PDB file of N, CA and C in Angstrom:
ATOM      1  N   MET A   1      -6.826  33.895 -34.389  1.00  0.00           N
ATOM      2  CA  MET A   1      -8.397  33.753 -33.810  1.00  0.00           C
ATOM      3  C   MET A   1      -8.918  32.182 -33.958  1.00  0.00           C
ATOM      4  N   ARG A   2      -9.085  31.933 -35.130  1.00  0.00           N
ATOM      5  CA  ARG A   2      -9.412  30.571 -35.366  1.00  0.00           C
ATOM      6  C   ARG A   2      -8.842  29.653 -34.558  1.00  0.00           C
ATOM      7  N   TYR A   3      -7.941  29.729 -34.585  1.00  0.00           N
ATOM      8  CA  TYR A   3      -7.189  28.679 -33.771  1.00  0.00           C
ATOM      9  C   TYR A   3      -7.319  28.645 -32.196  1.00  0.00           C
ATOM     10  N   SER A   4      -7.532  29.724 -31.534  1.00  0.00           N
ATOM     11  CA  SER A   4      -8.067  30.302 -30.493  1.00  0.00           C
ATOM     12  C   SER A   4      -9.297  29.483 -29.949  1.00  0.00           C
ATOM     13  N   ARG A   5     -10.158  29.824 -31.226  1.00  0.00           N
ATOM     14  CA  ARG A   5     -11.878  29.197 -30.887  1.00  0.00           C
ATOM     15  C   ARG A   5     -11.657  27.587 -30.855  1.00  0.00           C
ATOM     16  N   LYS A   6     -10.851  27.062 -31.722  1.00  0.00           N
ATOM     17  CA  LYS A   6     -10.628  25.565 -31.877  1.00  0.00           C
ATOM     18  C   LYS A   6      -9.929  25.145 -30.593  1.00  0.00           C
ATOM     19  N   LYS A   7      -9.084  25.812 -29.931  1.00  0.00           N
ATOM     20  CA  LYS A   7      -8.426  25.551 -28.451  1.00  0.00           C
ATOM     21  C   LYS A   7      -9.514  25.357 -27.477  1.00  0.00           C
ATOM     22  N   SER A   8     -10.204  26.686 -27.455  1.00  0.00           N
ATOM     23  CA  SER A   8     -11.658  26.938 -26.616  1.00  0.00           C
ATOM     24  C   SER A   8     -12.200  25.972 -26.433  1.00  0.00           C
ATOM     25  N   ILE A   9     -13.104  25.329 -27.692  1.00  0.00           N
ATOM     26  CA  ILE A   9     -13.563  24.412 -27.824  1.00  0.00           C
ATOM     27  C   ILE A   9     -13.220  22.563 -27.453  1.00  0.00           C
ATOM     28  N   ARG A  10     -12.059  22.583 -27.681  1.00  0.00           N
ATOM     29  CA  ARG A  10     -11.333  21.424 -27.192  1.00  0.00           C
ATOM     30  C   ARG A  10     -10.976  21.344 -25.976  1.00  0.00           C
ATOM     31  N   ASP A  11     -11.279  22.679 -25.187  1.00  0.00           N
ATOM     32  CA  ASP A  11     -10.546  22.341 -23.982  1.00  0.00           C
ATOM     33  C   ASP A  11     -12.404  22.639 -23.272  1.00  0.00           C
ATOM     34  N   GLU A  12     -12.957  22.577 -23.669  1.00  0.00           N
ATOM     35  CA  GLU A  12     -14.162  22.913 -22.859  1.00  0.00           C
ATOM     36  C   GLU A  12     -14.935  21.408 -22.874  1.00  0.00           C
ATOM     37  N   LEU A  13     -14.691  20.506 -24.338  1.00  0.00           N
ATOM     38  CA  LEU A  13     -15.013  19.275 -24.422  1.00  0.00           C
ATOM     39  C   LEU A  13     -14.298  18.446 -23.509  1.00  0.00           C
ATOM     40  N   ARG A  14     -12.990  18.717 -23.435  1.00  0.00           N
ATOM     41  CA  ARG A  14     -12.071  17.942 -21.871  1.00  0.00           C
ATOM     42  C   ARG A  14     -13.412  18.597 -20.670  1.00  0.00           C
ATOM     43  N   ALA A  15     -13.131  19.679 -19.941  1.00  0.00           N
ATOM     44  CA  ALA A  15     -13.798  19.512 -19.282  1.00  0.00           C
ATOM     45  C   ALA A  15     -14.560  19.084 -19.254  1.00  0.00           C
ATOM     46  N   LEU A  16     -15.765  19.110 -19.881  1.00  0.00           N
ATOM     47  CA  LEU A  16     -17.099  18.315 -19.893  1.00  0.00           C
ATOM     48  C   LEU A  16     -17.316  16.651 -19.836  1.00  0.00           C
ATOM     49  N   GLU A  17     -15.477  16.350 -19.858  1.00  0.00           N
ATOM     50  CA  GLU A  17     -15.581  14.917 -20.172  1.00  0.00           C
ATOM     51  C   GLU A  17     -15.024  14.556 -18.717  1.00  0.00           C
ATOM     52  N   LEU A  18     -14.431  15.430 -18.573  1.00  0.00           N
ATOM     53  CA  LEU A  18     -13.694  15.252 -17.046  1.00  0.00           C
ATOM     54  C   LEU A  18     -14.802  15.012 -15.623  1.00  0.00           C
ATOM     55  N   GLN A  19     -15.958  16.459 -15.829  1.00  0.00           N
ATOM     56  CA  GLN A  19     -17.372  15.984 -15.216  1.00  0.00           C
ATOM     57  C   GLN A  19     -18.072  14.975 -14.955  1.00  0.00           C
ATOM     58  N   ALA A  20     -18.214  14.175 -16.548  1.00  0.00           N
ATOM     59  CA  ALA A  20     -18.778  13.137 -16.546  1.00  0.00           C
ATOM     60  C   ALA A  20     -18.033  12.104 -15.722  1.00  0.00           C
ATOM     61  N   GLN A  21     -17.162  11.900 -15.509  1.00  0.00           N
ATOM     62  CA  GLN A  21     -16.110  11.192 -15.011  1.00  0.00           C
ATOM     63  C   GLN A  21     -16.341  10.942 -13.797  1.00  0.00           C
ATOM     64  N   ILE A  22     -15.913  12.358 -13.251  1.00  0.00           N
ATOM     65  CA  ILE A  22     -16.114  12.731 -12.019  1.00  0.00           C
ATOM     66  C   ILE A  22     -17.991  12.572 -11.142  1.00  0.00           C
ATOM     67  N   LEU A  23     -19.288  12.401 -12.191  1.00  0.00           N
ATOM     68  CA  LEU A  23     -19.819  12.377 -11.640  1.00  0.00           C
ATOM     69  C   LEU A  23     -19.903  10.742 -11.826  1.00  0.00           C
ATOM     70  N   GLU A  24     -19.616   9.778 -12.694  1.00  0.00           N
ATOM     71  CA  GLU A  24     -19.836   8.444 -13.245  1.00  0.00           C
ATOM     72  C   GLU A  24     -19.300   7.736 -11.387  1.00  0.00           C
ATOM     73  N   ASP A  25     -17.394   8.106 -11.286  1.00  0.00           N
ATOM     74  CA  ASP A  25     -17.275   7.917 -10.188  1.00  0.00           C
ATOM     75  C   ASP A  25     -17.571   8.111  -8.783  1.00  0.00           C
ATOM     76  N   ARG A  26     -18.686   9.297  -8.706  1.00  0.00           N
ATOM     77  CA  ARG A  26     -19.220   9.418  -7.676  1.00  0.00           C
ATOM     78  C   ARG A  26     -20.572   8.618  -7.339  1.00  0.00           C
ATOM     79  N   LYS A  27     -20.972   7.966  -8.343  1.00  0.00           N
ATOM     80  CA  LYS A  27     -21.988   7.280  -7.952  1.00  0.00           C
ATOM     81  C   LYS A  27     -21.948   6.232  -6.907  1.00  0.00           C
ATOM     82  N   PRO A  28     -22.986   5.553  -5.825  1.00  0.00           N
ATOM     83  CA  PRO A  28     -23.441   4.976  -5.092  1.00  0.00           C
ATOM     84  C   PRO A  28     -22.245   3.363  -5.409  1.00  0.00           C
ATOM     85  N   ILE A  29     -22.487   2.793  -6.319  1.00  0.00           N
ATOM     86  CA  ILE A  29     -22.140   1.659  -6.987  1.00  0.00           C
ATOM     87  C   ILE A  29     -20.429   1.755  -7.063  1.00  0.00           C
ATOM     88  N   ASN A  30     -19.598   2.669  -7.417  1.00  0.00           N
ATOM     89  CA  ASN A  30     -18.755   3.188  -8.153  1.00  0.00           C
ATOM     90  C   ASN A  30     -18.041   3.239  -6.793  1.00  0.00           C
ATOM     91  N   ALA A  31     -18.539   3.643  -5.559  1.00  0.00           N
ATOM     92  CA  ALA A  31     -17.661   4.173  -4.449  1.00  0.00           C
ATOM     93  C   ALA A  31     -17.520   2.634  -3.930  1.00  0.00           C
ATOM     94  N   PHE A  32     -18.904   2.172  -3.287  1.00  0.00           N
ATOM     95  CA  PHE A  32     -19.140   0.779  -2.862  1.00  0.00           C
ATOM     96  C   PHE A  32     -17.580  -0.439  -3.357  1.00  0.00           C
ATOM     97  N   LEU A  33     -17.364  -0.539  -4.414  1.00  0.00           N
ATOM     98  CA  LEU A  33     -16.449  -1.010  -5.525  1.00  0.00           C
ATOM     99  C   LEU A  33     -15.066  -0.659  -5.391  1.00  0.00           C
ATOM    100  N   SER A  34     -15.200   0.474  -5.602  1.00  0.00           N
ATOM    101  CA  SER A  34     -13.867   1.427  -5.132  1.00  0.00           C
ATOM    102  C   SER A  34     -13.279   0.623  -3.755  1.00  0.00           C
ATOM    103  N   ASN A  35     -14.777   0.994  -2.465  1.00  0.00           N
ATOM    104  CA  ASN A  35     -14.146   0.778  -0.921  1.00  0.00           C
ATOM    105  C   ASN A  35     -13.876  -1.207  -0.600  1.00  0.00           C
ATOM    106  N   LEU A  36     -14.340  -1.799  -1.565  1.00  0.00           N
ATOM    107  CA  LEU A  36     -14.521  -3.231  -1.287  1.00  0.00           C
ATOM    108  C   LEU A  36     -13.179  -3.209  -2.314  1.00  0.00           C
ATOM    109  N   GLN A  37     -12.516  -2.997  -2.823  1.00  0.00           N
ATOM    110  CA  GLN A  37     -11.144  -2.958  -3.781  1.00  0.00           C
ATOM    111  C   GLN A  37     -10.092  -2.834  -2.275  1.00  0.00           C
ATOM    112  N   THR A  38     -10.166  -1.397  -2.077  1.00  0.00           N
ATOM    113  CA  THR A  38      -9.363  -0.977  -1.267  1.00  0.00           C
ATOM    114  C   THR A  38      -9.602  -2.010   0.360  1.00  0.00           C
ATOM    115  N   ARG A  39     -10.405  -2.790   0.609  1.00  0.00           N
ATOM    116  CA  ARG A  39     -10.539  -3.524   1.750  1.00  0.00           C
ATOM    117  C   ARG A  39      -9.877  -5.047   1.255  1.00  0.00           C
ATOM    118  N   ILE A  40      -9.514  -5.212  -0.291  1.00  0.00           N
ATOM    119  CA  ILE A  40      -9.391  -6.640  -0.375  1.00  0.00           C
ATOM    120  C   ILE A  40      -7.928  -6.099  -0.256  1.00  0.00           C
ATOM    121  N   TYR A  41      -7.461  -5.458  -0.739  1.00  0.00           N
ATOM    122  CA  TYR A  41      -6.348  -5.417  -1.040  1.00  0.00           C
ATOM    123  C   TYR A  41      -5.659  -5.042   0.192  1.00  0.00           C
ATOM    124  N   SER A  42      -6.274  -4.297   1.418  1.00  0.00           N
ATOM    125  CA  SER A  42      -5.770  -4.234   2.683  1.00  0.00           C
ATOM    126  C   SER A  42      -5.505  -5.430   2.983  1.00  0.00           C
ATOM    127  N   GLU A  43      -6.860  -6.205   3.363  1.00  0.00           N
ATOM    128  CA  GLU A  43      -6.515  -8.155   3.734  1.00  0.00           C
ATOM    129  C   GLU A  43      -5.407  -8.689   3.062  1.00  0.00           C
ATOM    130  N   LEU A  44      -5.626  -8.178   2.189  1.00  0.00           N
ATOM    131  CA  LEU A  44      -4.442  -9.514   1.264  1.00  0.00           C
ATOM    132  C   LEU A  44      -2.986  -8.538   1.643  1.00  0.00           C
ATOM    133  N   SER A  45      -3.076  -7.721   2.188  1.00  0.00           N
ATOM    134  CA  SER A  45      -1.520  -6.762   2.644  1.00  0.00           C
ATOM    135  C   SER A  45      -1.187  -7.377   3.848  1.00  0.00           C
ATOM    136  N   LYS A  46      -2.272  -7.334   4.594  1.00  0.00           N
ATOM    137  CA  LYS A  46      -2.177  -8.083   6.048  1.00  0.00           C
ATOM    138  C   LYS A  46      -1.825  -9.473   6.241  1.00  0.00           C
ATOM    139  N   GLN A  47      -2.289  -9.974   5.046  1.00  0.00           N
ATOM    140  CA  GLN A  47      -1.963 -11.904   4.995  1.00  0.00           C
ATOM    141  C   GLN A  47      -0.333 -11.502   4.452  1.00  0.00           C
ATOM    142  N   VAL A  48      -0.017 -11.029   4.090  1.00  0.00           N
ATOM    143  CA  VAL A  48       1.156 -10.958   3.427  1.00  0.00           C
ATOM    144  C   VAL A  48       2.459 -10.784   4.470  1.00  0.00           C
ATOM    145  N   THR A  49       1.962  -9.736   5.314  1.00  0.00           N
ATOM    146  CA  THR A  49       2.528  -8.699   6.522  1.00  0.00           C
ATOM    147  C   THR A  49       3.072  -9.924   7.377  1.00  0.00           C
ATOM    148  N   GLU A  50       2.114 -10.468   7.697  1.00  0.00           N
ATOM    149  CA  GLU A  50       1.742 -11.953   8.881  1.00  0.00           C
ATOM    150  C   GLU A  50       3.067 -12.861   8.444  1.00  0.00           C
ATOM    151  N   GLN A  51       2.724 -13.355   7.294  1.00  0.00           N
ATOM    152  CA  GLN A  51       3.378 -14.504   6.790  1.00  0.00           C
ATOM    153  C   GLN A  51       4.946 -14.137   6.507  1.00  0.00           C
ATOM    154  N   LEU A  52       5.241 -12.734   6.209  1.00  0.00           N
ATOM    155  CA  LEU A  52       6.902 -12.633   6.273  1.00  0.00           C
ATOM    156  C   LEU A  52       7.519 -12.066   7.485  1.00  0.00           C
ATOM    157  N   PHE A  53       6.421 -11.796   8.705  1.00  0.00           N
ATOM    158  CA  PHE A  53       7.192 -11.743  10.258  1.00  0.00           C
ATOM    159  C   PHE A  53       6.315 -12.851  10.903  1.00  0.00           C
ATOM    160  N   ALA A  54       6.299 -13.882  10.619  1.00  0.00           N
ATOM    161  CA  ALA A  54       5.827 -15.147  11.480  1.00  0.00           C
ATOM    162  C   ALA A  54       7.343 -15.820  11.528  1.00  0.00           C
ATOM    163  N   GLU A  55       6.851 -16.195  12.957  1.00  0.00           N
ATOM    164  CA  GLU A  55       8.070 -17.008  13.492  1.00  0.00           C
ATOM    165  C   GLU A  55       8.176 -18.451  13.042  1.00  0.00           C
ATOM    166  N   THR A  56       7.752 -18.948  12.339  1.00  0.00           N
ATOM    167  CA  THR A  56       7.392 -20.209  11.706  1.00  0.00           C
ATOM    168  C   THR A  56       6.153 -19.701  10.924  1.00  0.00           C
ATOM    169  N   GLY A  57       6.487 -21.335   9.697  1.00  0.00           N
ATOM    170  CA  GLY A  57       5.633 -21.064   8.357  1.00  0.00           C
ATOM    171  C   GLY A  57       6.213 -21.360   7.611  1.00  0.00           C
ATOM    172  N   VAL A  58       5.250 -20.571   6.301  1.00  0.00           N
ATOM    173  CA  VAL A  58       6.026 -20.527   4.726  1.00  0.00           C
ATOM    174  C   VAL A  58       7.098 -19.701   5.048  1.00  0.00           C
ATOM    175  N   GLU A  59       8.064 -20.331   4.406  1.00  0.00           N
ATOM    176  CA  GLU A  59       9.295 -19.590   3.968  1.00  0.00           C
ATOM    177  C   GLU A  59       9.200 -18.465   3.077  1.00  0.00           C
ATOM    178  N   SER A  60       8.139 -18.849   1.674  1.00  0.00           N
ATOM    179  CA  SER A  60       8.276 -17.871   0.785  1.00  0.00           C
ATOM    180  C   SER A  60       6.673 -18.268   0.081  1.00  0.00           C
ATOM    181  N   GLY A  61       6.780 -17.230  -1.056  1.00  0.00           N
ATOM    182  CA  GLY A  61       5.214 -17.232  -1.390  1.00  0.00           C
ATOM    183  C   GLY A  61       5.521 -16.284  -2.835  1.00  0.00           C
ATOM    184  N   THR A  62       4.605 -16.447  -3.699  1.00  0.00           N
ATOM    185  CA  THR A  62       4.256 -15.653  -5.356  1.00  0.00           C
ATOM    186  C   THR A  62       2.857 -15.595  -5.143  1.00  0.00           C
ATOM    187  N   PHE A  63       2.385 -14.437  -5.767  1.00  0.00           N
ATOM    188  CA  PHE A  63       1.190 -14.176  -5.903  1.00  0.00           C
ATOM    189  C   PHE A  63       0.692 -13.342  -6.975  1.00  0.00           C
ATOM    190  N   THR A  64      -0.082 -13.572  -7.728  1.00  0.00           N
ATOM    191  CA  THR A  64      -0.337 -12.186  -9.122  1.00  0.00           C
ATOM    192  C   THR A  64      -1.053 -11.915  -8.310  1.00  0.00           C
ATOM    193  N   LEU A  65      -1.044 -10.591  -8.740  1.00  0.00           N
ATOM    194  CA  LEU A  65      -2.346  -8.889  -8.314  1.00  0.00           C
ATOM    195  C   LEU A  65      -1.943  -7.786  -9.508  1.00  0.00           C
ATOM    196  N   ASP A  66      -3.441  -8.106 -10.440  1.00  0.00           N
ATOM    197  CA  ASP A  66      -3.394  -7.306 -11.391  1.00  0.00           C
ATOM    198  C   ASP A  66      -2.723  -7.286 -12.558  1.00  0.00           C
ATOM    199  N   GLY A  67      -2.165  -8.625 -12.354  1.00  0.00           N
ATOM    200  CA  GLY A  67      -0.814  -8.297 -13.635  1.00  0.00           C
ATOM    201  C   GLY A  67       0.313  -8.486 -13.895  1.00  0.00           C
ATOM    202  N   SER A  68       0.477  -7.822 -12.048  1.00  0.00           N
ATOM    203  CA  SER A  68       1.611  -7.681 -11.253  1.00  0.00           C
ATOM    204  C   SER A  68       2.413  -8.994 -10.477  1.00  0.00           C
ATOM    205  N   THR A  69       3.728  -9.422 -11.021  1.00  0.00           N
ATOM    206  CA  THR A  69       3.547 -10.859  -9.794  1.00  0.00           C
ATOM    207  C   THR A  69       4.525 -10.265  -9.005  1.00  0.00           C
ATOM    208  N   VAL A  70       4.009 -10.761  -7.679  1.00  0.00           N
ATOM    209  CA  VAL A  70       4.748 -10.596  -6.423  1.00  0.00           C
ATOM    210  C   VAL A  70       5.697 -12.250  -5.312  1.00  0.00           C
ATOM    211  N   ILE A  71       6.460 -11.639  -5.570  1.00  0.00           N
ATOM    212  CA  ILE A  71       7.315 -13.062  -5.204  1.00  0.00           C
ATOM    213  C   ILE A  71       8.241 -12.854  -3.742  1.00  0.00           C
ATOM    214  N   TRP A  72       8.148 -13.233  -2.252  1.00  0.00           N
ATOM    215  CA  TRP A  72       8.715 -12.978  -1.324  1.00  0.00           C
ATOM    216  C   TRP A  72       9.535 -14.093  -0.771  1.00  0.00           C
ATOM    217  N   GLY A  73      10.264 -13.795   0.028  1.00  0.00           N
ATOM    218  CA  GLY A  73      11.160 -14.642   0.984  1.00  0.00           C
ATOM    219  C   GLY A  73      12.036 -14.459   2.024  1.00  0.00           C
ATOM    220  N   LYS A  74      11.627 -15.354   2.865  1.00  0.00           N
ATOM    221  CA  LYS A  74      12.614 -15.235   4.077  1.00  0.00           C
ATOM    222  C   LYS A  74      13.741 -16.059   4.409  1.00  0.00           C
ATOM    223  N   LEU A  75      15.245 -15.471   4.072  1.00  0.00           N
ATOM    224  CA  LEU A  75      16.269 -16.276   4.333  1.00  0.00           C
ATOM    225  C   LEU A  75      17.204 -15.779   5.661  1.00  0.00           C
ATOM    226  N   GLY A  76      17.108 -16.393   6.571  1.00  0.00           N
ATOM    227  CA  GLY A  76      18.004 -16.116   7.694  1.00  0.00           C
ATOM    228  C   GLY A  76      17.243 -14.500   8.185  1.00  0.00           C
ATOM    229  N   ASP A  77      17.589 -13.903   8.179  1.00  0.00           N
ATOM    230  CA  ASP A  77      17.822 -12.411   9.145  1.00  0.00           C
ATOM    231  C   ASP A  77      17.240 -11.716   8.208  1.00  0.00           C
ATOM    232  N   THR A  78      16.352 -12.046   6.694  1.00  0.00           N
ATOM    233  CA  THR A  78      16.438 -10.845   5.833  1.00  0.00           C
ATOM    234  C   THR A  78      15.027 -11.413   4.706  1.00  0.00           C
ATOM    235  N   ILE A  79      14.332 -10.436   4.592  1.00  0.00           N
ATOM    236  CA  ILE A  79      13.297 -10.904   3.803  1.00  0.00           C
ATOM    237  C   ILE A  79      13.240  -9.999   2.814  1.00  0.00           C
ATOM    238  N   THR A  80      12.668 -10.782   1.636  1.00  0.00           N
ATOM    239  CA  THR A  80      13.167  -9.834   0.117  1.00  0.00           C
ATOM    240  C   THR A  80      11.792 -10.039  -0.452  1.00  0.00           C
ATOM    241  N   LEU A  81      11.167  -8.724  -0.992  1.00  0.00           N
ATOM    242  CA  LEU A  81       9.926  -8.727  -1.671  1.00  0.00           C
ATOM    243  C   LEU A  81      10.076  -8.195  -2.854  1.00  0.00           C
ATOM    244  N   THR A  82      10.138  -8.981  -4.434  1.00  0.00           N
ATOM    245  CA  THR A  82      10.007  -8.736  -5.131  1.00  0.00           C
ATOM    246  C   THR A  82       8.760  -8.516  -6.215  1.00  0.00           C
ATOM    247  N   VAL A  83       8.910  -7.333  -7.043  1.00  0.00           N
ATOM    248  CA  VAL A  83       7.176  -6.601  -7.905  1.00  0.00           C
ATOM    249  C   VAL A  83       8.079  -6.719  -9.164  1.00  0.00           C
ATOM    250  N   TYR A  84       7.231  -7.582  -9.983  1.00  0.00           N
ATOM    251  CA  TYR A  84       7.284  -7.756 -11.484  1.00  0.00           C
ATOM    252  C   TYR A  84       5.850  -7.261 -11.878  1.00  0.00           C
ATOM    253  N   ASP A  85       6.487  -5.773 -12.394  1.00  0.00           N
ATOM    254  CA  ASP A  85       4.635  -5.582 -13.005  1.00  0.00           C
ATOM    255  C   ASP A  85       4.910  -5.805 -14.605  1.00  0.00           C
ATOM    256  N   VAL A  86       3.844  -5.317 -15.161  1.00  0.00           N
ATOM    257  CA  VAL A  86       3.288  -5.527 -15.880  1.00  0.00           C
ATOM    258  C   VAL A  86       4.519  -5.125 -17.490  1.00  0.00           C
ATOM    259  N   ASP A  87       4.479  -4.234 -17.406  1.00  0.00           N
ATOM    260  CA  ASP A  87       5.943  -3.370 -18.577  1.00  0.00           C
ATOM    261  C   ASP A  87       6.874  -4.276 -17.969  1.00  0.00           C
ATOM    262  N   GLY A  88       7.043  -4.713 -17.041  1.00  0.00           N
ATOM    263  CA  GLY A  88       8.655  -5.243 -16.995  1.00  0.00           C
ATOM    264  C   GLY A  88       9.764  -4.906 -15.992  1.00  0.00           C
ATOM    265  N   ASP A  89       8.956  -3.690 -15.485  1.00  0.00           N
ATOM    266  CA  ASP A  89       9.845  -3.042 -14.097  1.00  0.00           C
ATOM    267  C   ASP A  89       9.894  -4.437 -13.027  1.00  0.00           C
ATOM    268  N   VAL A  90      11.046  -3.936 -12.338  1.00  0.00           N
ATOM    269  CA  VAL A  90      10.943  -4.885 -11.015  1.00  0.00           C
ATOM    270  C   VAL A  90      11.695  -3.322  -9.999  1.00  0.00           C
ATOM    271  N   THR A  91      10.603  -4.140  -8.640  1.00  0.00           N
ATOM    272  CA  THR A  91      10.837  -3.349  -7.160  1.00  0.00           C
ATOM    273  C   THR A  91      11.482  -4.128  -6.563  1.00  0.00           C
ATOM    274  N   THR A  92      12.310  -4.238  -5.989  1.00  0.00           N
ATOM    275  CA  THR A  92      12.948  -5.252  -4.998  1.00  0.00           C
ATOM    276  C   THR A  92      12.994  -4.386  -3.498  1.00  0.00           C
ATOM    277  N   ILE A  93      12.257  -5.302  -2.301  1.00  0.00           N
ATOM    278  CA  ILE A  93      12.539  -4.410  -0.904  1.00  0.00           C
ATOM    279  C   ILE A  93      13.286  -5.227  -0.825  1.00  0.00           C
ATOM    280  N   THR A  94      14.072  -4.862   0.562  1.00  0.00           N
ATOM    281  CA  THR A  94      15.086  -6.155   1.447  1.00  0.00           C
ATOM    282  C   THR A  94      14.695  -5.431   2.522  1.00  0.00           C
ATOM    283  N   ILE A  95      14.138  -6.513   3.770  1.00  0.00           N
ATOM    284  CA  ILE A  95      13.937  -5.870   5.197  1.00  0.00           C
ATOM    285  C   ILE A  95      14.817  -6.374   6.157  1.00  0.00           C
ATOM    286  N   PRO A  96      15.626  -6.019   6.494  1.00  0.00           N
ATOM    287  CA  PRO A  96      16.964  -6.704   7.591  1.00  0.00           C
ATOM    288  C   PRO A  96      16.431  -6.729   9.178  1.00  0.00           C
ATOM    289  N   VAL A  97      15.542  -8.157   9.167  1.00  0.00           N
ATOM    290  CA  VAL A  97      14.461  -8.128  10.452  1.00  0.00           C
ATOM    291  C   VAL A  97      15.174  -8.237  11.609  1.00  0.00           C
ATOM    292  N   GLY A  98      15.992  -9.171  11.209  1.00  0.00           N
ATOM    293  CA  GLY A  98      17.251  -9.538  12.368  1.00  0.00           C
ATOM    294  C   GLY A  98      17.864  -8.473  13.207  1.00  0.00           C
ATOM    295  N   SER A  99      17.956  -7.145  12.619  1.00  0.00           N
ATOM    296  CA  SER A  99      18.453  -5.668  13.285  1.00  0.00           C
ATOM    297  C   SER A  99      17.191  -4.342  13.511  1.00  0.00           C
ATOM    298  N   LEU A 100      15.873  -5.300  13.505  1.00  0.00           N
ATOM    299  CA  LEU A 100      14.818  -4.669  14.032  1.00  0.00           C
ATOM    300  C   LEU A 100      14.719  -4.986  15.351  1.00  0.00           C
ATOM    301  N   SER A 101      14.489  -3.683  16.060  1.00  0.00           N
ATOM    302  CA  SER A 101      14.030  -4.300  17.593  1.00  0.00           C
ATOM    303  C   SER A 101      12.456  -2.882  18.377  1.00  0.00           C
ATOM    304  N   LEU A 102      11.837  -3.535  18.582  1.00  0.00           N
ATOM    305  CA  LEU A 102      10.547  -2.862  18.599  1.00  0.00           C
ATOM    306  C   LEU A 102      10.243  -2.073  20.342  1.00  0.00           C
ATOM    307  N   PRO A 103      10.157  -0.383  20.722  1.00  0.00           N
ATOM    308  CA  PRO A 103      10.284  -0.466  21.701  1.00  0.00           C
ATOM    309  C   PRO A 103       9.382  -1.750  22.873  1.00  0.00           C
ATOM    310  N   ASP A 104       9.492  -2.056  24.342  1.00  0.00           N
ATOM    311  CA  ASP A 104       9.001  -3.280  24.477  1.00  0.00           C
ATOM    312  C   ASP A 104       7.843  -2.078  25.225  1.00  0.00           C
ATOM    313  N   ALA A 105       6.301  -1.921  25.192  1.00  0.00           N
ATOM    314  CA  ALA A 105       5.571  -1.132  25.498  1.00  0.00           C
ATOM    315  C   ALA A 105       5.295  -0.912  27.171  1.00  0.00           C
ATOM    316  N   ALA A 106       5.532  -2.004  27.872  1.00  0.00           N
ATOM    317  CA  ALA A 106       5.373  -2.281  29.242  1.00  0.00           C
ATOM    318  C   ALA A 106       6.597  -1.816  29.661  1.00  0.00           C
ATOM    319  N   ALA A 107       7.484  -1.700  29.232  1.00  0.00           N
ATOM    320  CA  ALA A 107       8.531  -1.388  29.717  1.00  0.00           C
ATOM    321  C   ALA A 107       8.414   0.803  29.673  1.00  0.00           C
ATOM    322  N   ASN A 108       7.983   1.243  28.847  1.00  0.00           N
ATOM    323  CA  ASN A 108       8.148   2.475  28.271  1.00  0.00           C
ATOM    324  C   ASN A 108       7.102   3.032  29.225  1.00  0.00           C
ATOM    325  N   GLU A 109       5.803   2.354  29.519  1.00  0.00           N
ATOM    326  CA  GLU A 109       5.128   2.684  30.411  1.00  0.00           C
ATOM    327  C   GLU A 109       5.263   2.893  32.187  1.00  0.00           C
ATOM    328  N   THR A 110       6.184   1.681  32.628  1.00  0.00           N
ATOM    329  CA  THR A 110       7.032   2.236  33.544  1.00  0.00           C
ATOM    330  C   THR A 110       8.438   2.849  33.671  1.00  0.00           C
ATOM    331  N   ASP A 111       8.795   3.683  32.686  1.00  0.00           N
ATOM    332  CA  ASP A 111       9.335   4.490  32.182  1.00  0.00           C
ATOM    333  C   ASP A 111       8.522   5.633  32.573  1.00  0.00           C
ATOM    334  N   GLU A 112       7.508   5.892  32.072  1.00  0.00           N
ATOM    335  CA  GLU A 112       6.211   7.020  31.905  1.00  0.00           C
ATOM    336  C   GLU A 112       5.831   7.079  33.274  1.00  0.00           C
ATOM    337  N   THR A 113       5.937   5.982  33.891  1.00  0.00           N
ATOM    338  CA  THR A 113       5.193   6.453  35.517  1.00  0.00           C
ATOM    339  C   THR A 113       6.544   6.700  36.666  1.00  0.00           C
ATOM    340  N   THR A 114       7.733   6.477  36.212  1.00  0.00           N
ATOM    341  CA  THR A 114       8.337   6.706  36.781  1.00  0.00           C
ATOM    342  C   THR A 114       9.177   8.172  37.046  1.00  0.00           C
ATOM    343  N   ASN A 115       8.683   8.751  35.411  1.00  0.00           N
ATOM    344  CA  ASN A 115       9.276  10.021  35.538  1.00  0.00           C
ATOM    345  C   ASN A 115       7.914  11.147  35.397  1.00  0.00           C
ATOM    346  N   THR A 116       7.106  10.458  36.261  1.00  0.00           N
ATOM    347  CA  THR A 116       5.660  11.396  36.648  1.00  0.00           C
ATOM    348  C   THR A 116       5.802  11.764  38.191  1.00  0.00           C
ATOM    349  N   GLY A 117       6.845  11.316  38.754  1.00  0.00           N
ATOM    350  CA  GLY A 117       6.968  11.958  40.055  1.00  0.00           C
ATOM    351  C   GLY A 117       6.591  13.446  40.268  1.00  0.00           C
ATOM    352  N   ALA A 118       6.501  14.044  41.621  1.00  0.00           N
ATOM    353  CA  ALA A 118       6.444  15.016  42.163  1.00  0.00           C
ATOM    354  C   ALA A 118       7.697  15.798  42.317  1.00  0.00           C
ATOM    355  N   GLY A 119       8.855  15.333  41.892  1.00  0.00           N
ATOM    356  CA  GLY A 119      10.150  16.186  41.797  1.00  0.00           C
ATOM    357  C   GLY A 119      10.349  16.154  40.386  1.00  0.00           C
ATOM    358  N   ASN A 120       9.888  15.767  39.271  1.00  0.00           N
ATOM    359  CA  ASN A 120      10.211  15.453  38.325  1.00  0.00           C
ATOM    360  C   ASN A 120       9.219  16.851  37.268  1.00  0.00           C
TER     361      ASN A 120
END
């Protein structure tokens, strides 16, 4: 019975700590900082993506973000993105850009117009 009471008190303390953390996270300044951080990461991601798929310009690059090192490079029709995290784990993404083909928006519009005739 005594163990059960100690466990109940521990659980109650954990719940109170969690509630306090949730209240802290919901403060306007913390919401603002979280949103700002998200937008900065999004902009950085956009810039890296634009460099990766640019026809001309820089062929490789490196940057450090929050302790992780990101190395990217283009070689022929392949883009390689390698992330070394703070724990020493490595993630490599290889993108075969030479084989990617996106549908032409103008061609799709023409096809849709053609297929919407009276007999279709």
